[in-house]
Amino acid sequence: MPELPEVETTVIGLKKKVLTRTFLALWTDTPKIIRRPSLSVLQKQLIGKKIIDIQRRAKNIFIFLSQDFILLVHLKMTGHLLVGKWKLQKNKWVAEGKGELSQDPMNGFLRIIFTLDNGSQLALSDLRKFAKIEL
């Protein structure tokens, strides 16, 4: 399970990479990670929202969005957030280019991918599928 310092490091890294970005699309193969609202409602409400701020409260990550929405992410035991670019090849997401995203085997369990307005993607990788997201 990510401990508090790892969650804080995640928040700091996200602030550097995704602050002021806007959500364009959402993909998931594990809709149970989305606790509420439903996947279809989340897609409708999230698309077009801008990331205003990112904060941590205990081990929860709060992504503050435009129009007073908050995206809550809890990484649980094996979840972690990644920022990069992936492409779908033969029903599997593959990191573009070489680097940490493609070399670390723990980064290969992508459960949800948010596409952002600058062409990058924010992904949740979670081996055991315990992480949760709420809007």
C-alpha atoms as a PDB file:
ATOM      1  CA  MET A   1       0.000   0.000   0.000  1.00  0.00           C
ATOM      2  CA  PRO A   2       1.371   3.439  -0.837  1.00  0.00           C
ATOM      3  CA  GLU A   3       2.258   5.164   2.400  1.00  0.00           C
ATOM      4  CA  LEU A   4       1.582   8.822   3.130  1.00  0.00           C
ATOM      5  CA  PRO A   5       4.941  10.091   1.760  1.00  0.00           C
ATOM      6  CA  GLU A   6       4.348   8.252  -1.553  1.00  0.00           C
ATOM      7  CA  VAL A   7       0.884   9.781  -1.853  1.00  0.00           C
ATOM      8  CA  GLU A   8       2.342  13.239  -1.157  1.00  0.00           C
ATOM      9  CA  THR A   9       5.038  12.642  -3.797  1.00  0.00           C
ATOM     10  CA  THR A  10       2.315  11.621  -6.248  1.00  0.00           C
ATOM     11  CA  VAL A  11       0.405  14.855  -5.593  1.00  0.00           C
ATOM     12  CA  ILE A  12       3.534  16.977  -6.069  1.00  0.00           C
ATOM     13  CA  GLY A  13       4.339  15.201  -9.338  1.00  0.00           C
ATOM     14  CA  LEU A  14       0.775  15.542 -10.626  1.00  0.00           C
ATOM     15  CA  LYS A  15       0.782  19.271  -9.880  1.00  0.00           C
ATOM     16  CA  LYS A  16       3.860  19.683 -12.082  1.00  0.00           C
ATOM     17  CA  LYS A  17       2.426  17.659 -14.970  1.00  0.00           C
ATOM     18  CA  VAL A  18      -1.362  18.023 -15.164  1.00  0.00           C
ATOM     19  CA  LEU A  19      -2.355  21.258 -13.418  1.00  0.00           C
ATOM     20  CA  THR A  20      -4.483  23.476 -15.731  1.00  0.00           C
ATOM     21  CA  ARG A  21      -5.104  20.586 -18.146  1.00  0.00           C
ATOM     22  CA  THR A  22      -8.620  19.758 -19.363  1.00  0.00           C
ATOM     23  CA  PHE A  23     -10.139  16.253 -19.592  1.00  0.00           C
ATOM     24  CA  LEU A  24     -11.029  15.213 -23.150  1.00  0.00           C
ATOM     25  CA  ALA A  25     -11.794  11.500 -22.872  1.00  0.00           C
ATOM     26  CA  LEU A  26     -11.935   8.569 -20.492  1.00  0.00           C
ATOM     27  CA  TRP A  27     -11.280   4.862 -21.067  1.00  0.00           C
ATOM     28  CA  THR A  28     -11.590   1.996 -18.618  1.00  0.00           C
ATOM     29  CA  ASP A  29     -11.804  -1.784 -18.681  1.00  0.00           C
ATOM     30  CA  THR A  30     -12.575  -1.914 -14.964  1.00  0.00           C
ATOM     31  CA  PRO A  31     -15.702   0.172 -14.299  1.00  0.00           C
ATOM     32  CA  LYS A  32     -15.963  -1.127 -10.706  1.00  0.00           C
ATOM     33  CA  ILE A  33     -13.045   1.168  -9.804  1.00  0.00           C
ATOM     34  CA  ILE A  34     -15.446   4.057 -10.381  1.00  0.00           C
ATOM     35  CA  ARG A  35     -17.520   3.995  -7.203  1.00  0.00           C
ATOM     36  CA  ARG A  36     -19.826   6.866  -8.099  1.00  0.00           C
ATOM     37  CA  PRO A  37     -21.317   8.130 -10.255  1.00  0.00           C
ATOM     38  CA  SER A  38     -21.670   5.432 -12.890  1.00  0.00           C
ATOM     39  CA  LEU A  39     -19.165   5.265 -15.726  1.00  0.00           C
ATOM     40  CA  SER A  40     -21.524   6.892 -18.236  1.00  0.00           C
ATOM     41  CA  VAL A  41     -22.370   9.753 -15.871  1.00  0.00           C
ATOM     42  CA  LEU A  42     -18.695  10.241 -14.979  1.00  0.00           C
ATOM     43  CA  GLN A  43     -17.792  10.500 -18.669  1.00  0.00           C
ATOM     44  CA  LYS A  44     -20.472  13.127 -19.276  1.00  0.00           C
ATOM     45  CA  GLN A  45     -19.581  15.183 -16.208  1.00  0.00           C
ATOM     46  CA  LEU A  46     -15.789  14.936 -16.454  1.00  0.00           C
ATOM     47  CA  ILE A  47     -15.246  15.783 -20.126  1.00  0.00           C
ATOM     48  CA  GLY A  48     -14.386  19.458 -20.534  1.00  0.00           C
ATOM     49  CA  LYS A  49     -13.487  20.024 -16.879  1.00  0.00           C
ATOM     50  CA  LYS A  50     -10.193  21.787 -16.129  1.00  0.00           C
ATOM     51  CA  ILE A  51      -7.850  20.695 -13.312  1.00  0.00           C
ATOM     52  CA  ILE A  52      -7.666  23.642 -10.903  1.00  0.00           C
ATOM     53  CA  ASP A  53      -5.733  22.149  -7.975  1.00  0.00           C
ATOM     54  CA  ILE A  54      -4.528  18.826  -6.563  1.00  0.00           C
ATOM     55  CA  GLN A  55      -4.315  18.135  -2.837  1.00  0.00           C
ATOM     56  CA  ARG A  56      -3.869  15.251  -0.444  1.00  0.00           C
ATOM     57  CA  ARG A  57      -5.944  14.529   2.630  1.00  0.00           C
ATOM     58  CA  ALA A  58      -4.613  11.472   4.464  1.00  0.00           C
ATOM     59  CA  LYS A  59      -4.104   8.932   1.646  1.00  0.00           C
ATOM     60  CA  ASN A  60      -6.812  10.429  -0.557  1.00  0.00           C
ATOM     61  CA  ILE A  61      -5.908  12.465  -3.631  1.00  0.00           C
ATOM     62  CA  PHE A  62      -8.346  15.269  -4.409  1.00  0.00           C
ATOM     63  CA  ILE A  63      -8.272  16.673  -7.936  1.00  0.00           C
ATOM     64  CA  PHE A  64     -10.215  19.927  -7.881  1.00  0.00           C
ATOM     65  CA  LEU A  65     -11.936  20.653 -11.180  1.00  0.00           C
ATOM     66  CA  SER A  66     -13.726  23.570 -12.751  1.00  0.00           C
ATOM     67  CA  GLN A  67     -17.440  24.035 -11.962  1.00  0.00           C
ATOM     68  CA  ASP A  68     -16.831  22.916  -8.346  1.00  0.00           C
ATOM     69  CA  PHE A  69     -16.296  19.221  -9.109  1.00  0.00           C
ATOM     70  CA  ILE A  70     -13.770  17.128  -7.183  1.00  0.00           C
ATOM     71  CA  LEU A  71     -12.305  13.858  -8.428  1.00  0.00           C
ATOM     72  CA  LEU A  72     -11.310  11.638  -5.488  1.00  0.00           C
ATOM     73  CA  VAL A  73      -8.665   8.966  -6.062  1.00  0.00           C
ATOM     74  CA  HIS A  74      -7.636   6.429  -3.435  1.00  0.00           C
ATOM     75  CA  LEU A  75      -4.798   4.168  -4.560  1.00  0.00           C
ATOM     76  CA  LYS A  76      -5.528   1.382  -2.032  1.00  0.00           C
ATOM     77  CA  MET A  77      -2.890  -1.406  -2.047  1.00  0.00           C
ATOM     78  CA  THR A  78      -1.213  -1.471  -5.468  1.00  0.00           C
ATOM     79  CA  GLY A  79      -2.565   1.548  -7.326  1.00  0.00           C
ATOM     80  CA  HIS A  80      -0.438   4.355  -8.704  1.00  0.00           C
ATOM     81  CA  LEU A  81      -1.009   7.266 -11.055  1.00  0.00           C
ATOM     82  CA  LEU A  82       1.086   7.795 -14.158  1.00  0.00           C
ATOM     83  CA  VAL A  83       1.337  10.632 -16.662  1.00  0.00           C
ATOM     84  CA  GLY A  84       2.489   9.804 -20.169  1.00  0.00           C
ATOM     85  CA  LYS A  85       1.274   8.616 -23.534  1.00  0.00           C
ATOM     86  CA  TRP A  86      -0.059   5.178 -24.383  1.00  0.00           C
ATOM     87  CA  LYS A  87      -1.554   3.652 -27.497  1.00  0.00           C
ATOM     88  CA  LEU A  88      -3.878   0.680 -27.832  1.00  0.00           C
ATOM     89  CA  GLN A  89      -2.224  -2.237 -29.648  1.00  0.00           C
ATOM     90  CA  LYS A  90      -3.953  -5.596 -29.927  1.00  0.00           C
ATOM     91  CA  ASN A  91      -6.297  -4.771 -27.029  1.00  0.00           C
ATOM     92  CA  LYS A  92      -3.384  -3.792 -24.746  1.00  0.00           C
ATOM     93  CA  TRP A  93      -2.198  -0.321 -23.817  1.00  0.00           C
ATOM     94  CA  VAL A  94       1.494   0.168 -24.638  1.00  0.00           C
ATOM     95  CA  ALA A  95       3.595   3.134 -23.506  1.00  0.00           C
ATOM     96  CA  GLU A  96       4.921   5.254 -26.348  1.00  0.00           C
ATOM     97  CA  GLY A  97       8.686   5.528 -26.440  1.00  0.00           C
ATOM     98  CA  LYS A  98      11.193   4.030 -24.088  1.00  0.00           C
ATOM     99  CA  GLY A  99      11.504   4.860 -20.442  1.00  0.00           C
ATOM    100  CA  GLU A 100      10.099   4.119 -17.023  1.00  0.00           C
ATOM    101  CA  LEU A 101       6.515   3.772 -18.253  1.00  0.00           C
ATOM    102  CA  SER A 102       7.431   0.839 -20.482  1.00  0.00           C
ATOM    103  CA  GLN A 103      10.219  -0.699 -18.376  1.00  0.00           C
ATOM    104  CA  ASP A 104       8.527  -1.112 -14.991  1.00  0.00           C
ATOM    105  CA  PRO A 105       6.188  -4.147 -15.162  1.00  0.00           C
ATOM    106  CA  MET A 106       3.936  -2.626 -12.455  1.00  0.00           C
ATOM    107  CA  ASN A 107       3.000   0.120 -14.924  1.00  0.00           C
ATOM    108  CA  GLY A 108       1.299  -2.381 -17.217  1.00  0.00           C
ATOM    109  CA  PHE A 109      -1.959  -2.801 -15.292  1.00  0.00           C
ATOM    110  CA  LEU A 110      -3.788   0.243 -16.659  1.00  0.00           C
ATOM    111  CA  ARG A 111      -7.364   0.308 -15.372  1.00  0.00           C
ATOM    112  CA  ILE A 112      -8.431   3.813 -16.331  1.00  0.00           C
ATOM    113  CA  ILE A 113      -6.931   6.386 -18.695  1.00  0.00           C
ATOM    114  CA  PHE A 114      -7.903  10.058 -18.854  1.00  0.00           C
ATOM    115  CA  THR A 115      -6.867  11.844 -22.042  1.00  0.00           C
ATOM    116  CA  LEU A 116      -5.875  15.478 -21.480  1.00  0.00           C
ATOM    117  CA  ASP A 117      -5.951  18.499 -23.771  1.00  0.00           C
ATOM    118  CA  ASN A 118      -2.175  18.621 -24.297  1.00  0.00           C
ATOM    119  CA  GLY A 119      -2.063  15.096 -25.749  1.00  0.00           C
ATOM    120  CA  SER A 120      -0.807  13.447 -22.562  1.00  0.00           C
ATOM    121  CA  GLN A 121      -2.746  10.937 -20.520  1.00  0.00           C
ATOM    122  CA  LEU A 122      -3.294  10.422 -16.815  1.00  0.00           C
ATOM    123  CA  ALA A 123      -3.545   6.705 -16.051  1.00  0.00           C
ATOM    124  CA  LEU A 124      -4.310   4.619 -13.003  1.00  0.00           C
ATOM    125  CA  SER A 125      -2.348   1.372 -12.904  1.00  0.00           C
ATOM    126  CA  ASP A 126      -3.539  -1.101 -10.302  1.00  0.00           C
ATOM    127  CA  LEU A 127      -2.470  -4.742 -10.218  1.00  0.00           C
ATOM    128  CA  ARG A 128      -5.147  -5.884  -7.752  1.00  0.00           C
ATOM    129  CA  LYS A 129      -8.024  -3.622  -8.888  1.00  0.00           C
ATOM    130  CA  PHE A 130      -8.675  -2.242  -5.395  1.00  0.00           C
ATOM    131  CA  ALA A 131      -8.219   1.481  -6.165  1.00  0.00           C
ATOM    132  CA  LYS A 132     -11.278   3.709  -6.221  1.00  0.00           C
ATOM    133  CA  ILE A 133     -12.356   6.853  -8.022  1.00  0.00           C
ATOM    134  CA  GLU A 134     -15.333   9.038  -7.134  1.00  0.00           C
ATOM    135  CA  LEU A 135     -16.613  12.311  -8.557  1.00  0.00           C
END
